[in-house]
């Protein structure tokens, strides 16, 4: 039998809007898009630059990495699963506790998850909203037990022990998959349970106490400061639309943007050197093979990831040089000979290539380290 108090409870909870659930949902997607523009959410330099949990960097004073990982996701499937979970459980908790208290529960559980990973998985970079989401499940578990005599019976079945199967199944999955950081899940879950034991839910016909409103503004300020620190210290690949396709495909499991960049540069060097040999030999078979290799290198340079303005400039000049070399190869292949003027052009291209090769080496020395690129040591 539904009582009048049950109807009032349901009406109040139903009419509340889950404002911060939607804010975090959208913010996580926005960060994912920015990281995709910067080379992809599975690219190591991009992840570090955006603020994933890396113990060595936290130990050097980058304490904002306890907060920023909650909004970072490694790969599209990671974002998809966590977004779905947040969309399902977030509104329930926020409608029960109100916006200010929900913000406290979500952020505190998320930070606790990062801290759990910091202490129990020190060698593993980690990120994701799953610690915060497990915290929300912990809140519903404790809420259902703590207020079992104050909520409608049919609602009681959806919370409390009703969420235990979801928690247990997800923890089992976490223990079964080595890549999943279950220490963050457990820490977030425990934090959510502890907070729900002391933070009261927002009862019908009550207003949010001033203390929770103050905490809300403090936490919003903390989040803003942490992301400002990310922007101030950002040293990853620059944001560019040419990275979007590669960045998204990397999120589905292919290799890193840095690897794509290095491959393109190596293939360019090899193709150019082979083209010079082919033009000198003036052999039909070698010219045909070199035309194919240079064409492939040109395609790679056209789609090379953008790491910085300097690397873009060098890649653009190499592309122009390689296109010129391609024309020389085509002309020599058609005429079955290399003219004196073409030989002079080959020498000019060689000099230009050496200049660009030296410029690239200088770029690697100055900027390559932040992208995980080093000069090959002589054997």
Protein backbone atom coordinates (compact mmCIF):
# COMPACT_ATOMS: atom_id res chain seq x y z
CA UNK A 1 0.00 0.00 0.00
CA UNK A 2 1.36 3.39 -1.05
CA UNK A 3 1.05 6.01 1.66
CA UNK A 4 0.85 9.78 1.28
CA UNK A 5 4.43 10.14 2.53
CA UNK A 6 5.56 7.64 -0.12
CA UNK A 7 3.89 9.73 -2.83
CA UNK A 8 5.50 12.90 -1.49
CA UNK A 9 8.91 11.22 -1.45
CA UNK A 10 8.55 10.02 -5.05
CA UNK A 11 7.20 13.37 -6.27
CA UNK A 12 10.07 15.27 -4.67
CA UNK A 13 12.77 12.93 -5.95
CA UNK A 14 11.25 12.80 -9.42
CA UNK A 15 11.08 16.59 -9.77
CA UNK A 16 14.74 17.18 -8.89
CA UNK A 17 17.01 17.68 -11.88
CA UNK A 18 20.36 15.81 -11.98
CA UNK A 19 22.33 18.91 -12.98
CA UNK A 20 25.87 17.81 -12.07
CA UNK A 21 25.38 14.33 -13.54
CA UNK A 22 24.88 15.95 -16.93
CA UNK A 23 27.74 18.39 -16.33
CA UNK A 24 30.22 15.59 -15.61
CA UNK A 25 28.80 13.50 -18.44
CA UNK A 26 29.40 16.33 -20.92
CA UNK A 27 32.74 17.35 -19.42
CA UNK A 28 34.14 13.82 -19.75
CA UNK A 29 33.15 13.77 -23.41
CA UNK A 30 34.68 17.23 -23.97
CA UNK A 31 38.00 16.10 -22.48
CA UNK A 32 37.88 12.98 -24.68
CA UNK A 33 37.37 15.16 -27.78
CA UNK A 34 40.27 17.46 -26.84
CA UNK A 35 42.53 14.45 -26.29
CA UNK A 36 41.49 13.04 -29.65
CA UNK A 37 42.54 16.34 -31.26
CA UNK A 38 45.86 15.96 -29.43
CA UNK A 39 46.61 12.53 -30.87
CA UNK A 40 44.29 10.14 -29.09
CA UNK A 41 43.33 8.93 -25.64
CA UNK A 42 45.64 5.92 -25.81
CA UNK A 43 48.68 7.96 -26.80
CA UNK A 44 51.15 8.03 -23.88
CA UNK A 45 52.38 11.65 -24.22
CA UNK A 46 48.79 12.87 -24.63
CA UNK A 47 47.63 11.01 -21.53
CA UNK A 48 50.46 12.39 -19.41
CA UNK A 49 49.97 15.92 -20.70
CA UNK A 50 46.24 15.85 -19.87
CA UNK A 51 46.80 14.69 -16.30
CA UNK A 52 46.45 10.94 -15.84
CA UNK A 53 47.66 9.44 -12.57
CA UNK A 54 51.42 8.91 -12.83
CA UNK A 55 53.03 8.36 -9.43
CA UNK A 56 56.43 9.80 -10.36
CA UNK A 57 54.85 13.05 -11.54
CA UNK A 58 52.63 13.30 -8.46
CA UNK A 59 55.70 12.77 -6.30
CA UNK A 60 57.31 15.73 -8.08
CA UNK A 61 54.48 17.98 -6.93
CA UNK A 62 51.82 17.59 -9.65
CA UNK A 63 49.08 16.98 -7.08
CA UNK A 64 46.32 17.98 -9.48
CA UNK A 65 46.70 14.45 -10.88
CA UNK A 66 44.58 13.22 -7.97
CA UNK A 67 41.61 15.10 -9.51
CA UNK A 68 42.04 15.29 -13.29
CA UNK A 69 42.11 11.49 -13.95
CA UNK A 70 38.43 11.26 -12.95
CA UNK A 71 37.50 12.99 -16.23
CA UNK A 72 40.01 11.19 -18.48
CA UNK A 73 39.23 7.96 -20.31
CA UNK A 74 41.64 5.68 -22.14
CA UNK A 75 39.96 4.63 -25.35
CA UNK A 76 36.42 4.99 -26.68
CA UNK A 77 35.08 1.82 -25.03
CA UNK A 78 36.32 3.04 -21.64
CA UNK A 79 34.43 6.31 -22.14
CA UNK A 80 31.35 4.49 -23.43
CA UNK A 81 31.04 2.08 -20.49
CA UNK A 82 31.66 4.75 -17.84
CA UNK A 83 29.32 7.24 -19.53
CA UNK A 84 26.56 4.64 -19.61
CA UNK A 85 27.10 3.78 -15.94
CA UNK A 86 27.12 7.46 -14.95
CA UNK A 87 23.95 8.07 -16.97
CA UNK A 88 22.20 5.23 -15.11
CA UNK A 89 23.36 5.66 -11.50
CA UNK A 90 24.19 9.39 -11.41
CA UNK A 91 20.61 10.73 -11.65
CA UNK A 92 19.42 8.34 -8.93
CA UNK A 93 22.00 9.56 -6.42
CA UNK A 94 21.70 13.24 -7.35
CA UNK A 95 17.91 13.20 -7.08
CA UNK A 96 18.18 11.61 -3.63
CA UNK A 97 20.93 13.82 -2.26
CA UNK A 98 20.55 17.04 -4.22
CA UNK A 99 23.15 18.73 -6.42
CA UNK A 100 25.54 20.01 -3.73
CA UNK A 101 25.81 16.73 -1.84
CA UNK A 102 26.03 14.75 -5.07
CA UNK A 103 29.04 16.85 -6.10
CA UNK A 104 30.72 16.02 -2.80
CA UNK A 105 29.97 12.29 -3.13
CA UNK A 106 31.10 12.05 -6.76
CA UNK A 107 34.31 14.07 -6.48
CA UNK A 108 35.38 12.57 -3.14
CA UNK A 109 34.81 9.01 -4.38
CA UNK A 110 36.65 9.80 -7.61
CA UNK A 111 39.67 11.25 -5.80
CA UNK A 112 39.63 8.30 -3.39
CA UNK A 113 39.75 5.97 -6.41
CA UNK A 114 42.81 7.77 -7.77
CA UNK A 115 44.43 7.62 -4.31
CA UNK A 116 43.73 3.88 -4.14
CA UNK A 117 45.45 3.42 -7.47
CA UNK A 118 48.34 5.64 -6.32
CA UNK A 119 49.04 3.42 -3.30
CA UNK A 120 48.23 -0.03 -4.69
CA UNK A 121 49.13 0.29 -8.40
CA UNK A 122 52.11 2.69 -8.24
CA UNK A 123 53.70 1.52 -11.50
CA UNK A 124 50.55 1.81 -13.59
CA UNK A 125 49.19 5.06 -15.10
CA UNK A 126 45.45 5.16 -14.60
CA UNK A 127 42.41 7.29 -15.30
CA UNK A 128 38.64 7.10 -15.54
CA UNK A 129 35.42 7.91 -13.71
CA UNK A 130 34.92 4.31 -12.55
CA UNK A 131 36.17 5.04 -9.01
CA UNK A 132 33.56 7.79 -8.70
CA UNK A 133 30.87 5.56 -10.22
CA UNK A 134 31.65 2.72 -7.82
CA UNK A 135 31.38 5.34 -5.09
CA UNK A 136 27.86 6.15 -6.26
CA UNK A 137 26.93 2.47 -6.11
CA UNK A 138 28.34 2.41 -2.58
CA UNK A 139 26.14 5.39 -1.72
CA UNK A 140 23.02 3.59 -2.96
CA UNK A 141 23.98 0.48 -1.00
CA UNK A 142 24.32 2.35 2.30
CA UNK A 143 21.35 4.62 1.56
CA UNK A 144 19.03 1.65 1.11
CA UNK A 145 20.17 0.13 4.41
CA UNK A 146 20.31 3.37 6.41
CA UNK A 147 16.89 4.64 5.32
CA UNK A 148 15.10 1.33 4.78
CA UNK A 149 12.26 2.41 7.10
CA UNK A 150 11.83 5.85 5.50
CA UNK A 151 11.49 5.06 1.79
CA UNK A 152 8.73 3.31 -0.20
CA UNK A 153 9.00 -0.52 -0.19
CA UNK A 154 9.22 -0.86 -3.98
CA UNK A 155 11.96 1.81 -4.07
CA UNK A 156 13.81 0.03 -1.28
CA UNK A 157 14.22 -3.03 -3.53
CA UNK A 158 16.13 -0.96 -6.11
CA UNK A 159 18.70 0.31 -3.62
CA UNK A 160 20.43 -1.15 -0.59
CA UNK A 161 21.17 -4.84 -1.08
CA UNK A 162 19.53 -4.54 -4.52
CA UNK A 163 22.75 -3.02 -5.92
CA UNK A 164 25.00 -5.69 -4.41
CA UNK A 165 24.87 -7.99 -7.50
CA UNK A 166 25.97 -5.10 -9.73
CA UNK A 167 28.87 -4.27 -7.41
CA UNK A 168 29.99 -7.89 -7.05
CA UNK A 169 29.79 -8.64 -10.79
CA UNK A 170 31.83 -5.57 -11.68
CA UNK A 171 34.46 -6.32 -9.04
CA UNK A 172 34.78 -9.88 -10.37
CA UNK A 173 35.25 -8.51 -13.89
CA UNK A 174 37.89 -6.13 -12.51
CA UNK A 175 39.82 -8.96 -10.87
CA UNK A 176 39.58 -11.05 -14.05
CA UNK A 177 40.99 -8.43 -16.44
CA UNK A 178 44.59 -7.39 -15.63
CA UNK A 179 44.25 -4.02 -17.39
CA UNK A 180 41.42 -2.92 -15.07
CA UNK A 181 42.58 -1.05 -11.98
CA UNK A 182 40.36 -2.64 -9.34
CA UNK A 183 42.17 -0.81 -6.54
CA UNK A 184 40.54 2.40 -7.80
CA UNK A 185 37.14 0.69 -7.91
CA UNK A 186 37.40 -0.64 -4.35
CA UNK A 187 38.73 2.64 -2.96
CA UNK A 188 35.91 4.59 -4.64
CA UNK A 189 33.32 2.09 -3.41
CA UNK A 190 34.53 2.29 0.19
CA UNK A 191 34.67 6.09 0.05
CA UNK A 192 31.10 6.27 -1.25
CA UNK A 193 29.88 3.93 1.47
CA UNK A 194 31.67 5.89 4.20
CA UNK A 195 30.30 9.22 2.99
CA UNK A 196 26.75 7.87 2.70
CA UNK A 197 27.00 6.73 6.33
CA UNK A 198 27.53 10.33 7.51
CA UNK A 199 26.02 12.55 4.79
CA UNK A 200 22.21 12.66 5.04
CA UNK A 201 20.11 12.61 1.92
CA UNK A 202 17.98 15.63 1.02
CA UNK A 203 14.58 14.87 2.46
CA UNK A 204 11.37 16.20 0.90
CA UNK A 205 10.49 19.81 1.75
CA UNK A 206 14.00 20.62 3.02
CA UNK A 207 16.65 22.99 1.70
CA UNK A 208 20.34 22.31 1.20
CA UNK A 209 22.28 23.34 4.33
CA UNK A 210 24.76 26.19 3.85
CA UNK A 211 27.71 23.92 4.68
CA UNK A 212 27.06 21.71 1.66
CA UNK A 213 26.59 24.73 -0.57
CA UNK A 214 29.97 26.04 0.61
CA UNK A 215 31.59 22.63 -0.03
CA UNK A 216 30.08 22.66 -3.50
CA UNK A 217 31.80 25.94 -4.41
CA UNK A 218 35.09 24.80 -2.89
CA UNK A 219 35.04 21.60 -4.94
CA UNK A 220 34.14 23.42 -8.15
CA UNK A 221 37.04 25.78 -7.49
CA UNK A 222 39.35 22.83 -6.85
CA UNK A 223 38.37 21.17 -10.13
CA UNK A 224 38.90 24.44 -12.02
CA UNK A 225 42.34 25.00 -10.44
CA UNK A 226 43.44 21.46 -11.29
CA UNK A 227 42.50 21.79 -14.96
CA UNK A 228 44.11 25.23 -15.12
CA UNK A 229 47.31 23.52 -13.92
CA UNK A 230 46.96 21.01 -16.75
CA UNK A 231 46.67 23.88 -19.24
CA UNK A 232 49.63 25.73 -17.73
CA UNK A 233 51.92 22.69 -17.77
CA UNK A 234 50.68 21.17 -21.02
CA UNK A 235 53.58 19.82 -23.09
CA UNK A 236 51.89 17.15 -25.20
CA UNK A 237 51.01 17.06 -28.91
CA UNK A 238 49.27 20.16 -30.09
CA UNK A 239 45.56 20.09 -30.85
CA UNK A 240 44.94 19.69 -34.59
CA UNK A 241 42.05 18.40 -36.71
CA UNK A 242 44.46 16.21 -38.67
CA UNK A 243 44.82 14.12 -35.50
CA UNK A 244 41.11 13.36 -35.21
CA UNK A 245 40.97 10.27 -37.40
CA UNK A 246 44.14 8.76 -35.97
CA UNK A 247 43.21 9.78 -32.44
CA UNK A 248 39.83 8.07 -32.68
CA UNK A 249 41.23 4.94 -34.35
CA UNK A 250 43.88 4.73 -31.63
CA UNK A 251 41.08 4.70 -29.07
CA UNK A 252 39.82 1.52 -30.73
CA UNK A 253 43.11 -0.22 -30.14
CA UNK A 254 45.69 0.61 -32.83
CA UNK A 255 49.19 1.88 -32.10
CA UNK A 256 50.14 5.27 -30.70
CA UNK A 257 50.29 8.62 -32.47
CA UNK A 258 53.98 8.79 -31.64
CA UNK A 259 54.52 5.45 -33.37
CA UNK A 260 52.65 6.69 -36.45
CA UNK A 261 54.80 9.83 -36.52
CA UNK A 262 58.10 7.94 -36.18
CA UNK A 263 57.09 5.42 -38.85
CA UNK A 264 56.23 8.21 -41.29
CA UNK A 265 59.55 9.97 -40.74
CA UNK A 266 61.57 6.73 -41.01
CA UNK A 267 59.74 5.68 -44.18
CA UNK A 268 60.37 9.13 -45.65
CA UNK A 269 64.11 8.89 -44.99
CA UNK A 270 64.32 5.38 -46.43
CA UNK A 271 62.24 6.21 -49.50
CA UNK A 272 64.28 9.32 -50.29
CA UNK A 273 67.62 7.48 -49.97
CA UNK A 274 66.35 4.67 -52.21
CA UNK A 275 65.06 7.18 -54.78
CA UNK A 276 68.52 8.78 -55.07
CA UNK A 277 70.07 5.35 -55.69
CA UNK A 278 67.39 4.50 -58.25
CA UNK A 279 67.94 7.74 -60.18
CA UNK A 280 71.69 7.19 -60.22
CA UNK A 281 71.37 3.60 -61.44
CA UNK A 282 68.65 4.52 -63.99
CA UNK A 283 67.40 0.92 -63.92
CA UNK A 284 63.76 0.44 -64.91
CA UNK A 285 62.99 -2.03 -62.12
CA UNK A 286 64.60 0.12 -59.41
CA UNK A 287 62.84 3.25 -60.66
CA UNK A 288 59.43 1.52 -60.59
CA UNK A 289 60.02 0.19 -57.06
CA UNK A 290 61.20 3.59 -55.87
CA UNK A 291 58.15 5.33 -57.37
CA UNK A 292 55.94 3.02 -55.30
CA UNK A 293 57.94 3.59 -52.10
CA UNK A 294 58.02 7.37 -52.49
CA UNK A 295 54.27 7.46 -53.22
CA UNK A 296 53.66 5.53 -50.00
CA UNK A 297 55.88 7.89 -48.02
CA UNK A 298 54.02 10.88 -49.49
CA UNK A 299 50.71 9.43 -48.33
CA UNK A 300 52.15 8.90 -44.84
CA UNK A 301 53.42 12.49 -44.68
CA UNK A 302 50.02 13.82 -45.75
CA UNK A 303 48.42 12.01 -42.80
CA UNK A 304 51.24 12.39 -40.28
CA UNK A 305 50.03 13.23 -36.73
CA UNK A 306 50.56 16.79 -35.55
CA UNK A 307 52.85 16.89 -32.51
CA UNK A 308 53.96 20.54 -32.58
CA UNK A 309 54.18 23.55 -34.89
CA UNK A 310 57.88 22.83 -35.51
CA UNK A 311 57.35 19.18 -36.43
CA UNK A 312 54.46 20.19 -38.71
CA UNK A 313 56.73 22.65 -40.51
CA UNK A 314 59.47 20.05 -41.05
CA UNK A 315 56.95 17.43 -42.23
CA UNK A 316 55.41 19.93 -44.66
CA UNK A 317 58.81 20.76 -46.17
CA UNK A 318 59.70 17.06 -46.43
CA UNK A 319 56.40 16.45 -48.21
CA UNK A 320 57.17 19.17 -50.75
CA UNK A 321 60.66 17.76 -51.31
CA UNK A 322 59.38 14.19 -51.69
CA UNK A 323 56.75 15.28 -54.22
CA UNK A 324 59.52 16.91 -56.27
CA UNK A 325 61.57 13.71 -56.08
CA UNK A 326 58.51 11.73 -57.17
CA UNK A 327 58.20 13.87 -60.32
CA UNK A 328 61.89 13.25 -61.14
CA UNK A 329 61.38 9.51 -60.79
CA UNK A 330 58.32 9.60 -63.05
CA UNK A 331 60.16 11.60 -65.73
CA UNK A 332 63.20 9.28 -65.64
CA UNK A 333 60.98 6.21 -65.82
CA UNK A 334 59.10 7.54 -68.85
CA UNK A 335 62.22 8.71 -70.73
CA UNK A 336 64.45 5.76 -69.78
CA UNK A 337 67.20 8.27 -68.98
CA UNK A 338 68.25 10.90 -66.45
CA UNK A 339 69.20 14.25 -67.98
CA UNK A 340 71.96 16.53 -66.74
CA UNK A 341 69.36 19.00 -65.46
CA UNK A 342 67.63 16.22 -63.54
CA UNK A 343 70.95 15.13 -62.01
CA UNK A 344 71.49 18.68 -60.78
CA UNK A 345 67.98 18.70 -59.30
CA UNK A 346 68.72 15.42 -57.50
CA UNK A 347 71.86 16.99 -55.96
CA UNK A 348 69.84 20.02 -54.85
CA UNK A 349 67.22 17.73 -53.31
CA UNK A 350 69.93 15.83 -51.48
CA UNK A 351 71.30 19.03 -49.97
CA UNK A 352 67.81 20.14 -49.00
CA UNK A 353 67.07 16.75 -47.48
CA UNK A 354 70.23 16.90 -45.35
CA UNK A 355 69.16 20.31 -44.07
CA UNK A 356 65.73 19.02 -43.15
CA UNK A 357 67.24 15.89 -41.59
CA UNK A 358 69.44 18.09 -39.39
CA UNK A 359 66.42 20.23 -38.48
CA UNK A 360 64.50 17.09 -37.52
CA UNK A 361 67.40 15.85 -35.36
CA UNK A 362 67.44 19.24 -33.61
CA UNK A 363 63.68 19.02 -33.05
CA UNK A 364 64.04 15.53 -31.55
CA UNK A 365 66.76 16.82 -29.21
CA UNK A 366 64.70 19.82 -28.09
CA UNK A 367 61.12 18.53 -28.13
CA UNK A 368 61.17 14.82 -28.89
CA UNK A 369 61.52 13.73 -25.28
CA UNK A 370 58.07 14.99 -24.33
CA UNK A 371 56.61 12.78 -27.07
CA UNK A 372 58.74 9.75 -26.23
CA UNK A 373 60.99 10.17 -29.31
CA UNK A 374 64.77 9.84 -29.14
CA UNK A 375 67.59 9.88 -31.65
CA UNK A 376 68.90 6.45 -32.53
CA UNK A 377 72.30 5.85 -31.01
CA UNK A 378 75.02 4.66 -33.39
CA UNK A 379 75.81 0.94 -33.07
